[in-house]
Amino acid sequence: MAVTQTYPVTGMTCQHCVNAVESEVSGVAGVTGVDVDLAAGAVTVTSEAPVDLEALRAAVDEAGYVLA
């Protein structure tokens, strides 16, 4: 059963930001889907099991943004 979780992300302002976050979060172990909502300032992550929050935080940080 898939797990879907939405997290607030601060600092995103444009499509480049969206692409960077999608790219990094897609690389987190277990992630099967990523949807970044620029207007809402959030990323929705779909996975087969709960994703390690610190791994997700590190991926968003690597993209240059902050998992709030």
C-alpha atoms as a PDB file:
ATOM      1  CA  MET A   1       0.000   0.000   0.000  1.00  0.00           C
ATOM      2  CA  ALA A   2       1.368   3.395  -0.976  1.00  0.00           C
ATOM      3  CA  VAL A   3       2.025   6.062   1.609  1.00  0.00           C
ATOM      4  CA  THR A   4       1.466   9.709   0.631  1.00  0.00           C
ATOM      5  CA  GLN A   5       2.739  12.537   2.811  1.00  0.00           C
ATOM      6  CA  THR A   6       2.865  16.308   2.194  1.00  0.00           C
ATOM      7  CA  TYR A   7       5.592  18.507   3.655  1.00  0.00           C
ATOM      8  CA  PRO A   8       5.999  22.313   3.589  1.00  0.00           C
ATOM      9  CA  VAL A   9       9.090  23.599   1.758  1.00  0.00           C
ATOM     10  CA  THR A  10      10.308  27.176   2.106  1.00  0.00           C
ATOM     11  CA  GLY A  11      12.299  29.222  -0.389  1.00  0.00           C
ATOM     12  CA  MET A  12      10.806  27.997  -3.685  1.00  0.00           C
ATOM     13  CA  THR A  13       9.957  30.826  -6.073  1.00  0.00           C
ATOM     14  CA  CYS A  14       9.969  29.460  -9.635  1.00  0.00           C
ATOM     15  CA  GLN A  15       9.821  26.416 -11.901  1.00  0.00           C
ATOM     16  CA  HIS A  16      13.568  25.902 -11.525  1.00  0.00           C
ATOM     17  CA  CYS A  17      12.974  25.497  -7.774  1.00  0.00           C
ATOM     18  CA  VAL A  18      10.250  22.928  -8.449  1.00  0.00           C
ATOM     19  CA  ASN A  19      12.528  20.959 -10.799  1.00  0.00           C
ATOM     20  CA  ALA A  20      15.413  20.982  -8.296  1.00  0.00           C
ATOM     21  CA  VAL A  21      13.248  19.710  -5.428  1.00  0.00           C
ATOM     22  CA  GLU A  22      11.597  17.049  -7.625  1.00  0.00           C
ATOM     23  CA  SER A  23      14.984  15.840  -8.840  1.00  0.00           C
ATOM     24  CA  GLU A  24      16.547  15.539  -5.379  1.00  0.00           C
ATOM     25  CA  VAL A  25      13.515  14.061  -3.598  1.00  0.00           C
ATOM     26  CA  SER A  26      13.044  11.488  -6.389  1.00  0.00           C
ATOM     27  CA  GLY A  27      16.447  10.087  -5.414  1.00  0.00           C
ATOM     28  CA  VAL A  28      15.460   9.319  -1.818  1.00  0.00           C
ATOM     29  CA  ALA A  29      15.233   5.577  -1.148  1.00  0.00           C
ATOM     30  CA  GLY A  30      11.677   4.264  -1.395  1.00  0.00           C
ATOM     31  CA  VAL A  31      10.172   7.322  -3.100  1.00  0.00           C
ATOM     32  CA  THR A  32       7.897   6.342  -5.994  1.00  0.00           C
ATOM     33  CA  GLY A  33       6.358   9.750  -6.755  1.00  0.00           C
ATOM     34  CA  VAL A  34       7.003  13.435  -6.134  1.00  0.00           C
ATOM     35  CA  ASP A  35       4.626  16.344  -6.696  1.00  0.00           C
ATOM     36  CA  VAL A  36       5.843  19.857  -5.907  1.00  0.00           C
ATOM     37  CA  ASP A  37       3.189  22.566  -5.481  1.00  0.00           C
ATOM     38  CA  LEU A  38       4.930  25.906  -5.935  1.00  0.00           C
ATOM     39  CA  ALA A  39       1.860  27.983  -4.989  1.00  0.00           C
ATOM     40  CA  ALA A  40       1.346  26.046  -1.760  1.00  0.00           C
ATOM     41  CA  GLY A  41       5.070  25.783  -1.014  1.00  0.00           C
ATOM     42  CA  ALA A  42       4.821  22.047  -0.478  1.00  0.00           C
ATOM     43  CA  VAL A  43       6.084  18.710  -1.723  1.00  0.00           C
ATOM     44  CA  THR A  44       3.901  15.604  -1.732  1.00  0.00           C
ATOM     45  CA  VAL A  45       5.868  12.364  -1.583  1.00  0.00           C
ATOM     46  CA  THR A  46       4.471   8.948  -2.458  1.00  0.00           C
ATOM     47  CA  SER A  47       6.337   5.843  -1.324  1.00  0.00           C
ATOM     48  CA  GLU A  48       5.844   2.161  -0.582  1.00  0.00           C
ATOM     49  CA  ALA A  49       6.675   2.715   3.110  1.00  0.00           C
ATOM     50  CA  PRO A  50       7.135   5.820   5.266  1.00  0.00           C
ATOM     51  CA  VAL A  51      10.150   7.809   4.032  1.00  0.00           C
ATOM     52  CA  ASP A  52      13.018   8.611   6.383  1.00  0.00           C
ATOM     53  CA  LEU A  53      12.386  12.242   7.326  1.00  0.00           C
ATOM     54  CA  GLU A  54      16.082  13.054   7.691  1.00  0.00           C
ATOM     55  CA  ALA A  55      16.811  11.667   4.207  1.00  0.00           C
ATOM     56  CA  LEU A  56      13.975  13.783   2.834  1.00  0.00           C
ATOM     57  CA  ARG A  57      15.233  16.859   4.717  1.00  0.00           C
ATOM     58  CA  ALA A  58      18.749  16.280   3.324  1.00  0.00           C
ATOM     59  CA  ALA A  59      17.409  15.969  -0.249  1.00  0.00           C
ATOM     60  CA  VAL A  60      15.452  19.227   0.002  1.00  0.00           C
ATOM     61  CA  ASP A  61      18.504  20.895   1.558  1.00  0.00           C
ATOM     62  CA  GLU A  62      20.672  19.612  -1.300  1.00  0.00           C
ATOM     63  CA  ALA A  63      18.237  21.257  -3.737  1.00  0.00           C
ATOM     64  CA  GLY A  64      18.812  24.541  -1.872  1.00  0.00           C
ATOM     65  CA  TYR A  65      15.561  24.791   0.073  1.00  0.00           C
ATOM     66  CA  VAL A  66      14.287  24.049   3.573  1.00  0.00           C
ATOM     67  CA  LEU A  67      11.839  21.361   4.661  1.00  0.00           C
ATOM     68  CA  ALA A  68       9.821  23.391   7.157  1.00  0.00           C
END
